[in-house]
Amino acid sequence: SGGGLVQAGDSLRLSCAAAGRTYSSYAMGWFRQAPGKERE
């Protein structure tokens, strides 16, 4: 959650809520995918 439309120079904070056992034993990552491009 936390995405949206902003102007250049602005800030956003994305959140990722997890449900399930032993969440603290999971390494986490953020990736992004722009139109026509691979996920990076």
PDB file of all heavy atoms in Angstrom:
ATOM      1  N   SER A   1       0.850  -1.183   0.000  1.00  0.00           N
ATOM      2  CA  SER A   1       0.000   0.000   0.000  1.00  0.00           C
ATOM      3  C   SER A   1       0.888   1.235   0.000  1.00  0.00           C
ATOM      4  O   SER A   1       2.094   1.134   0.226  1.00  0.00           O
ATOM      5  CB  SER A   1      -0.924   0.013   1.218  1.00  0.00           C
ATOM      6  OG  SER A   1      -0.169   0.041   2.414  1.00  0.00           O
ATOM      7  N   GLY A   2       0.267   2.394  -0.265  1.00  0.00           N
ATOM      8  CA  GLY A   2       0.995   3.649  -0.181  1.00  0.00           C
ATOM      9  C   GLY A   2       1.363   4.273  -1.507  1.00  0.00           C
ATOM     10  O   GLY A   2       1.909   5.381  -1.539  1.00  0.00           O
ATOM     11  N   GLY A   3       1.072   3.588  -2.602  1.00  0.00           N
ATOM     12  CA  GLY A   3       1.383   4.165  -3.897  1.00  0.00           C
ATOM     13  C   GLY A   3       0.453   5.316  -4.228  1.00  0.00           C
ATOM     14  O   GLY A   3      -0.530   5.577  -3.537  1.00  0.00           O
ATOM     15  N   GLY A   4       0.765   6.017  -5.323  1.00  0.00           N
ATOM     16  CA  GLY A   4      -0.086   7.122  -5.733  1.00  0.00           C
ATOM     17  C   GLY A   4       0.559   7.947  -6.811  1.00  0.00           C
ATOM     18  O   GLY A   4       1.597   7.577  -7.369  1.00  0.00           O
ATOM     19  N   LEU A   5      -0.071   9.070  -7.112  1.00  0.00           N
ATOM     20  CA  LEU A   5       0.408  10.017  -8.119  1.00  0.00           C
ATOM     21  C   LEU A   5       1.024  11.219  -7.405  1.00  0.00           C
ATOM     22  O   LEU A   5       0.360  11.863  -6.598  1.00  0.00           O
ATOM     23  CB  LEU A   5      -0.745  10.465  -9.007  1.00  0.00           C
ATOM     24  CG  LEU A   5      -0.458  11.602 -10.001  1.00  0.00           C
ATOM     25  CD1 LEU A   5       0.603  11.170 -11.003  1.00  0.00           C
ATOM     26  CD2 LEU A   5      -1.739  12.025 -10.703  1.00  0.00           C
ATOM     27  N   VAL A   6       2.292  11.475  -7.688  1.00  0.00           N
ATOM     28  CA  VAL A   6       2.995  12.592  -7.064  1.00  0.00           C
ATOM     29  C   VAL A   6       3.759  13.364  -8.136  1.00  0.00           C
ATOM     30  O   VAL A   6       3.879  12.914  -9.269  1.00  0.00           O
ATOM     31  CB  VAL A   6       3.968  12.113  -5.966  1.00  0.00           C
ATOM     32  CG1 VAL A   6       3.215  11.416  -4.841  1.00  0.00           C
ATOM     33  CG2 VAL A   6       5.034  11.201  -6.556  1.00  0.00           C
ATOM     34  N   GLN A   7       4.272  14.516  -7.727  1.00  0.00           N
ATOM     35  CA  GLN A   7       5.091  15.317  -8.632  1.00  0.00           C
ATOM     36  C   GLN A   7       6.574  15.037  -8.372  1.00  0.00           C
ATOM     37  O   GLN A   7       6.949  14.569  -7.285  1.00  0.00           O
ATOM     38  CB  GLN A   7       4.796  16.793  -8.444  1.00  0.00           C
ATOM     39  CG  GLN A   7       3.390  17.189  -8.859  1.00  0.00           C
ATOM     40  CD  GLN A   7       3.166  18.698  -8.791  1.00  0.00           C
ATOM     41  OE1 GLN A   7       3.807  19.386  -8.002  1.00  0.00           O
ATOM     42  NE2 GLN A   7       2.272  19.196  -9.633  1.00  0.00           N
ATOM     43  N   ALA A   8       7.385  15.335  -9.357  1.00  0.00           N
ATOM     44  CA  ALA A   8       8.824  15.164  -9.217  1.00  0.00           C
ATOM     45  C   ALA A   8       9.318  15.940  -7.998  1.00  0.00           C
ATOM     46  O   ALA A   8       8.921  17.089  -7.782  1.00  0.00           O
ATOM     47  CB  ALA A   8       9.543  15.635 -10.472  1.00  0.00           C
ATOM     48  N   GLY A   9      10.157  15.288  -7.204  1.00  0.00           N
ATOM     49  CA  GLY A   9      10.683  15.891  -5.999  1.00  0.00           C
ATOM     50  C   GLY A   9       9.910  15.538  -4.739  1.00  0.00           C
ATOM     51  O   GLY A   9      10.406  15.769  -3.626  1.00  0.00           O
ATOM     52  N   ASP A  10       8.714  14.988  -4.912  1.00  0.00           N
ATOM     53  CA  ASP A  10       7.893  14.607  -3.756  1.00  0.00           C
ATOM     54  C   ASP A  10       8.388  13.297  -3.136  1.00  0.00           C
ATOM     55  O   ASP A  10       9.283  12.629  -3.671  1.00  0.00           O
ATOM     56  CB  ASP A  10       6.439  14.454  -4.175  1.00  0.00           C
ATOM     57  CG  ASP A  10       5.757  15.790  -4.407  1.00  0.00           C
ATOM     58  OD1 ASP A  10       6.356  16.837  -4.061  1.00  0.00           O
ATOM     59  OD2 ASP A  10       4.633  15.795  -4.951  1.00  0.00           O
ATOM     60  N   SER A  11       7.743  12.947  -2.030  1.00  0.00           N
ATOM     61  CA  SER A  11       8.080  11.721  -1.303  1.00  0.00           C
ATOM     62  C   SER A  11       6.848  10.834  -1.157  1.00  0.00           C
ATOM     63  O   SER A  11       5.711  11.327  -1.162  1.00  0.00           O
ATOM     64  CB  SER A  11       8.632  12.047   0.084  1.00  0.00           C
ATOM     65  OG  SER A  11       9.826  12.795   0.002  1.00  0.00           O
ATOM     66  N   LEU A  12       7.089   9.556  -1.015  1.00  0.00           N
ATOM     67  CA  LEU A  12       6.055   8.568  -0.717  1.00  0.00           C
ATOM     68  C   LEU A  12       6.661   7.521   0.206  1.00  0.00           C
ATOM     69  O   LEU A  12       7.873   7.273   0.151  1.00  0.00           O
ATOM     70  CB  LEU A  12       5.562   7.861  -1.982  1.00  0.00           C
ATOM     71  CG  LEU A  12       4.491   8.504  -2.851  1.00  0.00           C
ATOM     72  CD1 LEU A  12       4.256   7.633  -4.085  1.00  0.00           C
ATOM     73  CD2 LEU A  12       3.206   8.727  -2.093  1.00  0.00           C
ATOM     74  N   ARG A  13       5.810   6.900   1.022  1.00  0.00           N
ATOM     75  CA  ARG A  13       6.261   5.758   1.803  1.00  0.00           C
ATOM     76  C   ARG A  13       5.355   4.575   1.479  1.00  0.00           C
ATOM     77  O   ARG A  13       4.146   4.634   1.714  1.00  0.00           O
ATOM     78  CB  ARG A  13       6.247   6.022   3.291  1.00  0.00           C
ATOM     79  CG  ARG A  13       6.901   4.863   4.071  1.00  0.00           C
ATOM     80  CD  ARG A  13       7.002   5.116   5.555  1.00  0.00           C
ATOM     81  NE  ARG A  13       5.753   4.873   6.257  1.00  0.00           N
ATOM     82  CZ  ARG A  13       5.667   4.588   7.551  1.00  0.00           C
ATOM     83  NH1 ARG A  13       6.764   4.530   8.284  1.00  0.00           N
ATOM     84  NH2 ARG A  13       4.494   4.409   8.123  1.00  0.00           N
ATOM     85  N   LEU A  14       5.958   3.543   0.928  1.00  0.00           N
ATOM     86  CA  LEU A  14       5.232   2.319   0.651  1.00  0.00           C
ATOM     87  C   LEU A  14       5.315   1.390   1.859  1.00  0.00           C
ATOM     88  O   LEU A  14       6.329   1.370   2.569  1.00  0.00           O
ATOM     89  CB  LEU A  14       5.812   1.604  -0.568  1.00  0.00           C
ATOM     90  CG  LEU A  14       5.906   2.408  -1.854  1.00  0.00           C
ATOM     91  CD1 LEU A  14       6.428   1.527  -2.991  1.00  0.00           C
ATOM     92  CD2 LEU A  14       4.586   3.041  -2.226  1.00  0.00           C
ATOM     93  N   SER A  15       4.249   0.655   2.079  1.00  0.00           N
ATOM     94  CA  SER A  15       4.217  -0.336   3.144  1.00  0.00           C
ATOM     95  C   SER A  15       3.887  -1.699   2.550  1.00  0.00           C
ATOM     96  O   SER A  15       3.176  -1.793   1.550  1.00  0.00           O
ATOM     97  CB  SER A  15       3.165   0.025   4.197  1.00  0.00           C
ATOM     98  OG  SER A  15       3.450   1.263   4.807  1.00  0.00           O
ATOM     99  N   CYS A  16       4.393  -2.731   3.186  1.00  0.00           N
ATOM    100  CA  CYS A  16       4.090  -4.101   2.785  1.00  0.00           C
ATOM    101  C   CYS A  16       3.778  -4.878   4.053  1.00  0.00           C
ATOM    102  O   CYS A  16       4.676  -5.133   4.865  1.00  0.00           O
ATOM    103  CB  CYS A  16       5.258  -4.715   2.037  1.00  0.00           C
ATOM    104  SG  CYS A  16       5.055  -6.471   1.657  1.00  0.00           S
ATOM    105  N   ALA A  17       2.516  -5.202   4.222  1.00  0.00           N
ATOM    106  CA  ALA A  17       2.083  -5.945   5.408  1.00  0.00           C
ATOM    107  C   ALA A  17       2.098  -7.432   5.107  1.00  0.00           C
ATOM    108  O   ALA A  17       1.596  -7.866   4.067  1.00  0.00           O
ATOM    109  CB  ALA A  17       0.686  -5.501   5.813  1.00  0.00           C
ATOM    110  N   ALA A  18       2.660  -8.178   6.019  1.00  0.00           N
ATOM    111  CA  ALA A  18       2.787  -9.619   5.836  1.00  0.00           C
ATOM    112  C   ALA A  18       1.926 -10.371   6.835  1.00  0.00           C
ATOM    113  O   ALA A  18       1.795  -9.960   7.993  1.00  0.00           O
ATOM    114  CB  ALA A  18       4.242 -10.050   6.011  1.00  0.00           C
ATOM    115  N   ALA A  19       1.349 -11.456   6.370  1.00  0.00           N
ATOM    116  CA  ALA A  19       0.581 -12.344   7.236  1.00  0.00           C
ATOM    117  C   ALA A  19       1.114 -13.748   7.046  1.00  0.00           C
ATOM    118  O   ALA A  19       1.379 -14.165   5.929  1.00  0.00           O
ATOM    119  CB  ALA A  19      -0.895 -12.284   6.889  1.00  0.00           C
ATOM    120  N   GLY A  20       1.287 -14.458   8.145  1.00  0.00           N
ATOM    121  CA  GLY A  20       1.816 -15.809   8.064  1.00  0.00           C
ATOM    122  C   GLY A  20       2.768 -16.077   9.208  1.00  0.00           C
ATOM    123  O   GLY A  20       3.148 -15.164   9.937  1.00  0.00           O
ATOM    124  N   ARG A  21       3.177 -17.296   9.338  1.00  0.00           N
ATOM    125  CA  ARG A  21       4.046 -17.666  10.439  1.00  0.00           C
ATOM    126  C   ARG A  21       5.471 -17.172  10.260  1.00  0.00           C
ATOM    127  O   ARG A  21       5.965 -17.040   9.161  1.00  0.00           O
ATOM    128  CB  ARG A  21       4.052 -19.191  10.583  1.00  0.00           C
ATOM    129  CG  ARG A  21       2.742 -19.784  11.022  1.00  0.00           C
ATOM    130  CD  ARG A  21       2.947 -21.233  11.420  1.00  0.00           C
ATOM    131  NE  ARG A  21       3.619 -21.978  10.375  1.00  0.00           N
ATOM    132  CZ  ARG A  21       4.211 -23.154  10.572  1.00  0.00           C
ATOM    133  NH1 ARG A  21       4.245 -23.670  11.782  1.00  0.00           N
ATOM    134  NH2 ARG A  21       4.783 -23.804   9.585  1.00  0.00           N
ATOM    135  N   THR A  22       6.117 -16.914  11.350  1.00  0.00           N
ATOM    136  CA  THR A  22       7.543 -16.586  11.418  1.00  0.00           C
ATOM    137  C   THR A  22       7.970 -15.567  10.376  1.00  0.00           C
ATOM    138  O   THR A  22       8.961 -15.731   9.680  1.00  0.00           O
ATOM    139  CB  THR A  22       8.420 -17.846  11.273  1.00  0.00           C
ATOM    140  OG1 THR A  22       8.191 -18.471  10.017  1.00  0.00           O
ATOM    141  CG2 THR A  22       8.137 -18.788  12.395  1.00  0.00           C
ATOM    142  N   TYR A  23       7.194 -14.495  10.255  1.00  0.00           N
ATOM    143  CA  TYR A  23       7.544 -13.426   9.320  1.00  0.00           C
ATOM    144  C   TYR A  23       8.945 -12.927   9.559  1.00  0.00           C
ATOM    145  O   TYR A  23       9.668 -12.583   8.634  1.00  0.00           O
ATOM    146  CB  TYR A  23       6.536 -12.285   9.450  1.00  0.00           C
ATOM    147  CG  TYR A  23       7.034 -10.984   8.869  1.00  0.00           C
ATOM    148  CD1 TYR A  23       7.035 -10.782   7.502  1.00  0.00           C
ATOM    149  CD2 TYR A  23       7.506  -9.965   9.681  1.00  0.00           C
ATOM    150  CE1 TYR A  23       7.493  -9.606   6.954  1.00  0.00           C
ATOM    151  CE2 TYR A  23       7.962  -8.784   9.154  1.00  0.00           C
ATOM    152  CZ  TYR A  23       7.952  -8.598   7.794  1.00  0.00           C
ATOM    153  OH  TYR A  23       8.399  -7.434   7.264  1.00  0.00           O
ATOM    154  N   SER A  24       9.367 -12.894  10.810  1.00  0.00           N
ATOM    155  CA  SER A  24      10.670 -12.328  11.122  1.00  0.00           C
ATOM    156  C   SER A  24      11.801 -13.167  10.569  1.00  0.00           C
ATOM    157  O   SER A  24      12.945 -12.727  10.569  1.00  0.00           O
ATOM    158  CB  SER A  24      10.826 -12.152  12.635  1.00  0.00           C
ATOM    159  OG  SER A  24      10.702 -13.399  13.289  1.00  0.00           O
ATOM    160  N   SER A  25      11.534 -14.367  10.066  1.00  0.00           N
ATOM    161  CA  SER A  25      12.573 -15.203   9.478  1.00  0.00           C
ATOM    162  C   SER A  25      12.666 -15.044   7.969  1.00  0.00           C
ATOM    163  O   SER A  25      13.302 -15.835   7.299  1.00  0.00           O
ATOM    164  CB  SER A  25      12.314 -16.672   9.816  1.00  0.00           C
ATOM    165  OG  SER A  25      12.387 -16.880  11.205  1.00  0.00           O
ATOM    166  N   TYR A  26      11.999 -14.031   7.443  1.00  0.00           N
ATOM    167  CA  TYR A  26      11.987 -13.811   6.006  1.00  0.00           C
ATOM    168  C   TYR A  26      12.781 -12.567   5.642  1.00  0.00           C
ATOM    169  O   TYR A  26      12.520 -11.485   6.167  1.00  0.00           O
ATOM    170  CB  TYR A  26      10.558 -13.656   5.499  1.00  0.00           C
ATOM    171  CG  TYR A  26       9.791 -14.960   5.462  1.00  0.00           C
ATOM    172  CD1 TYR A  26       9.204 -15.480   6.610  1.00  0.00           C
ATOM    173  CD2 TYR A  26       9.673 -15.675   4.272  1.00  0.00           C
ATOM    174  CE1 TYR A  26       8.526 -16.681   6.583  1.00  0.00           C
ATOM    175  CE2 TYR A  26       8.993 -16.885   4.242  1.00  0.00           C
ATOM    176  CZ  TYR A  26       8.425 -17.378   5.392  1.00  0.00           C
ATOM    177  OH  TYR A  26       7.754 -18.568   5.351  1.00  0.00           O
ATOM    178  N   ALA A  27      13.733 -12.737   4.737  1.00  0.00           N
ATOM    179  CA  ALA A  27      14.355 -11.573   4.124  1.00  0.00           C
ATOM    180  C   ALA A  27      13.354 -10.960   3.153  1.00  0.00           C
ATOM    181  O   ALA A  27      12.564 -11.677   2.534  1.00  0.00           O
ATOM    182  CB  ALA A  27      15.630 -11.978   3.389  1.00  0.00           C
ATOM    183  N   MET A  28      13.377  -9.643   3.037  1.00  0.00           N
ATOM    184  CA  MET A  28      12.384  -8.936   2.233  1.00  0.00           C
ATOM    185  C   MET A  28      13.059  -8.098   1.163  1.00  0.00           C
ATOM    186  O   MET A  28      14.192  -7.635   1.327  1.00  0.00           O
ATOM    187  CB  MET A  28      11.543  -8.021   3.132  1.00  0.00           C
ATOM    188  CG  MET A  28      10.824  -8.725   4.268  1.00  0.00           C
ATOM    189  SD  MET A  28       9.582  -9.884   3.699  1.00  0.00           S
ATOM    190  CE  MET A  28       8.395  -8.767   2.929  1.00  0.00           C
ATOM    191  N   GLY A  29      12.314  -7.888   0.093  1.00  0.00           N
ATOM    192  CA  GLY A  29      12.840  -7.054  -0.986  1.00  0.00           C
ATOM    193  C   GLY A  29      11.744  -6.239  -1.631  1.00  0.00           C
ATOM    194  O   GLY A  29      10.562  -6.573  -1.534  1.00  0.00           O
ATOM    195  N   TRP A  30      12.140  -5.149  -2.249  1.00  0.00           N
ATOM    196  CA  TRP A  30      11.253  -4.342  -3.079  1.00  0.00           C
ATOM    197  C   TRP A  30      11.764  -4.390  -4.518  1.00  0.00           C
ATOM    198  O   TRP A  30      12.973  -4.242  -4.761  1.00  0.00           O
ATOM    199  CB  TRP A  30      11.206  -2.893  -2.611  1.00  0.00           C
ATOM    200  CG  TRP A  30      10.384  -2.657  -1.382  1.00  0.00           C
ATOM    201  CD1 TRP A  30      10.835  -2.550  -0.097  1.00  0.00           C
ATOM    202  CD2 TRP A  30       8.959  -2.476  -1.335  1.00  0.00           C
ATOM    203  NE1 TRP A  30       9.784  -2.328   0.761  1.00  0.00           N
ATOM    204  CE2 TRP A  30       8.617  -2.269   0.031  1.00  0.00           C
ATOM    205  CE3 TRP A  30       7.930  -2.465  -2.281  1.00  0.00           C
ATOM    206  CZ2 TRP A  30       7.308  -2.060   0.456  1.00  0.00           C
ATOM    207  CZ3 TRP A  30       6.635  -2.260  -1.865  1.00  0.00           C
ATOM    208  CH2 TRP A  30       6.329  -2.056  -0.509  1.00  0.00           C
ATOM    209  N   PHE A  31      10.840  -4.577  -5.437  1.00  0.00           N
ATOM    210  CA  PHE A  31      11.140  -4.574  -6.854  1.00  0.00           C
ATOM    211  C   PHE A  31      10.160  -3.638  -7.536  1.00  0.00           C
ATOM    212  O   PHE A  31       9.142  -3.247  -6.958  1.00  0.00           O
ATOM    213  CB  PHE A  31      10.994  -5.985  -7.429  1.00  0.00           C
ATOM    214  CG  PHE A  31      12.020  -6.956  -6.922  1.00  0.00           C
ATOM    215  CD1 PHE A  31      11.911  -7.513  -5.656  1.00  0.00           C
ATOM    216  CD2 PHE A  31      13.100  -7.319  -7.710  1.00  0.00           C
ATOM    217  CE1 PHE A  31      12.860  -8.398  -5.174  1.00  0.00           C
ATOM    218  CE2 PHE A  31      14.054  -8.205  -7.246  1.00  0.00           C
ATOM    219  CZ  PHE A  31      13.935  -8.744  -5.978  1.00  0.00           C
ATOM    220  N   ARG A  32      10.454  -3.279  -8.778  1.00  0.00           N
ATOM    221  CA  ARG A  32       9.524  -2.453  -9.523  1.00  0.00           C
ATOM    222  C   ARG A  32       9.527  -2.870 -10.992  1.00  0.00           C
ATOM    223  O   ARG A  32      10.521  -3.410 -11.502  1.00  0.00           O
ATOM    224  CB  ARG A  32       9.858  -0.969  -9.386  1.00  0.00           C
ATOM    225  CG  ARG A  32      11.192  -0.550 -10.003  1.00  0.00           C
ATOM    226  CD  ARG A  32      11.485   0.902  -9.655  1.00  0.00           C
ATOM    227  NE  ARG A  32      12.740   1.352 -10.265  1.00  0.00           N
ATOM    228  CZ  ARG A  32      13.293   2.538 -10.031  1.00  0.00           C
ATOM    229  NH1 ARG A  32      12.700   3.388  -9.183  1.00  0.00           N
ATOM    230  NH2 ARG A  32      14.419   2.875 -10.618  1.00  0.00           N
ATOM    231  N   GLN A  33       8.403  -2.579 -11.641  1.00  0.00           N
ATOM    232  CA  GLN A  33       8.275  -2.912 -13.054  1.00  0.00           C
ATOM    233  C   GLN A  33       7.561  -1.780 -13.767  1.00  0.00           C
ATOM    234  O   GLN A  33       6.402  -1.468 -13.457  1.00  0.00           O
ATOM    235  CB  GLN A  33       7.508  -4.218 -13.238  1.00  0.00           C
ATOM    236  CG  GLN A  33       7.504  -4.729 -14.658  1.00  0.00           C
ATOM    237  CD  GLN A  33       7.041  -6.174 -14.757  1.00  0.00           C
ATOM    238  OE1 GLN A  33       6.441  -6.717 -13.841  1.00  0.00           O
ATOM    239  NE2 GLN A  33       7.352  -6.813 -15.865  1.00  0.00           N
ATOM    240  N   ALA A  34       8.270  -1.168 -14.700  1.00  0.00           N
ATOM    241  CA  ALA A  34       7.706  -0.103 -15.520  1.00  0.00           C
ATOM    242  C   ALA A  34       7.098  -0.717 -16.770  1.00  0.00           C
ATOM    243  O   ALA A  34       7.474  -1.821 -17.175  1.00  0.00           O
ATOM    244  CB  ALA A  34       8.792   0.902 -15.880  1.00  0.00           C
ATOM    245  N   PRO A  35       6.175  -0.015 -17.409  1.00  0.00           N
ATOM    246  CA  PRO A  35       5.535  -0.552 -18.621  1.00  0.00           C
ATOM    247  C   PRO A  35       6.568  -0.918 -19.683  1.00  0.00           C
ATOM    248  O   PRO A  35       7.461  -0.127 -19.989  1.00  0.00           O
ATOM    249  CB  PRO A  35       4.639   0.597 -19.079  1.00  0.00           C
ATOM    250  CG  PRO A  35       4.348   1.368 -17.847  1.00  0.00           C
ATOM    251  CD  PRO A  35       5.596   1.274 -17.018  1.00  0.00           C
ATOM    252  N   GLY A  36       6.458  -2.118 -20.199  1.00  0.00           N
ATOM    253  CA  GLY A  36       7.343  -2.561 -21.254  1.00  0.00           C
ATOM    254  C   GLY A  36       8.726  -2.974 -20.806  1.00  0.00           C
ATOM    255  O   GLY A  36       9.591  -3.277 -21.644  1.00  0.00           O
ATOM    256  N   LYS A  37       8.944  -2.983 -19.489  1.00  0.00           N
ATOM    257  CA  LYS A  37      10.273  -3.343 -18.974  1.00  0.00           C
ATOM    258  C   LYS A  37      10.173  -4.536 -18.040  1.00  0.00           C
ATOM    259  O   LYS A  37       9.104  -4.873 -17.536  1.00  0.00           O
ATOM    260  CB  LYS A  37      10.894  -2.159 -18.238  1.00  0.00           C
ATOM    261  CG  LYS A  37      11.203  -0.962 -19.133  1.00  0.00           C
ATOM    262  CD  LYS A  37      11.972   0.103 -18.376  1.00  0.00           C
ATOM    263  CE  LYS A  37      12.344   1.257 -19.287  1.00  0.00           C
ATOM    264  NZ  LYS A  37      13.121   2.296 -18.557  1.00  0.00           N
ATOM    265  N   GLU A  38      11.317  -5.171 -17.814  1.00  0.00           N
ATOM    266  CA  GLU A  38      11.352  -6.284 -16.893  1.00  0.00           C
ATOM    267  C   GLU A  38      11.325  -5.789 -15.444  1.00  0.00           C
ATOM    268  O   GLU A  38      11.687  -4.650 -15.159  1.00  0.00           O
ATOM    269  CB  GLU A  38      12.622  -7.112 -17.131  1.00  0.00           C
ATOM    270  CG  GLU A  38      12.653  -7.843 -18.466  1.00  0.00           C
ATOM    271  CD  GLU A  38      13.817  -8.799 -18.566  1.00  0.00           C
ATOM    272  OE1 GLU A  38      14.674  -8.800 -17.673  1.00  0.00           O
ATOM    273  OE2 GLU A  38      13.865  -9.551 -19.561  1.00  0.00           O
ATOM    274  N   ARG A  39      10.885  -6.672 -14.570  1.00  0.00           N
ATOM    275  CA  ARG A  39      10.901  -6.349 -13.153  1.00  0.00           C
ATOM    276  C   ARG A  39      12.348  -6.201 -12.684  1.00  0.00           C
ATOM    277  O   ARG A  39      13.190  -7.042 -12.992  1.00  0.00           O
ATOM    278  CB  ARG A  39      10.186  -7.442 -12.351  1.00  0.00           C
ATOM    279  CG  ARG A  39       9.895  -7.079 -10.926  1.00  0.00           C
ATOM    280  CD  ARG A  39       8.958  -8.085 -10.283  1.00  0.00           C
ATOM    281  NE  ARG A  39       7.668  -8.143 -10.968  1.00  0.00           N
ATOM    282  CZ  ARG A  39       6.625  -8.841 -10.520  1.00  0.00           C
ATOM    283  NH1 ARG A  39       6.738  -9.529  -9.377  1.00  0.00           N
ATOM    284  NH2 ARG A  39       5.504  -8.864 -11.200  1.00  0.00           N
ATOM    285  N   GLU A  40      12.611  -5.127 -11.923  1.00  0.00           N
ATOM    286  CA  GLU A  40      13.977  -4.875 -11.492  1.00  0.00           C
ATOM    287  C   GLU A  40      14.061  -4.713  -9.981  1.00  0.00           C
ATOM    288  O   GLU A  40      13.119  -4.267  -9.322  1.00  0.00           O
ATOM    289  CB  GLU A  40      14.545  -3.622 -12.173  1.00  0.00           C
ATOM    290  CG  GLU A  40      13.867  -2.326 -11.784  1.00  0.00           C
ATOM    291  CD  GLU A  40      14.565  -1.109 -12.391  1.00  0.00           C
ATOM    292  OE1 GLU A  40      15.570  -1.254 -13.106  1.00  0.00           O
ATOM    293  OE2 GLU A  40      14.090   0.018 -12.097  1.00  0.00           O
TER     294      GLU A  40
END
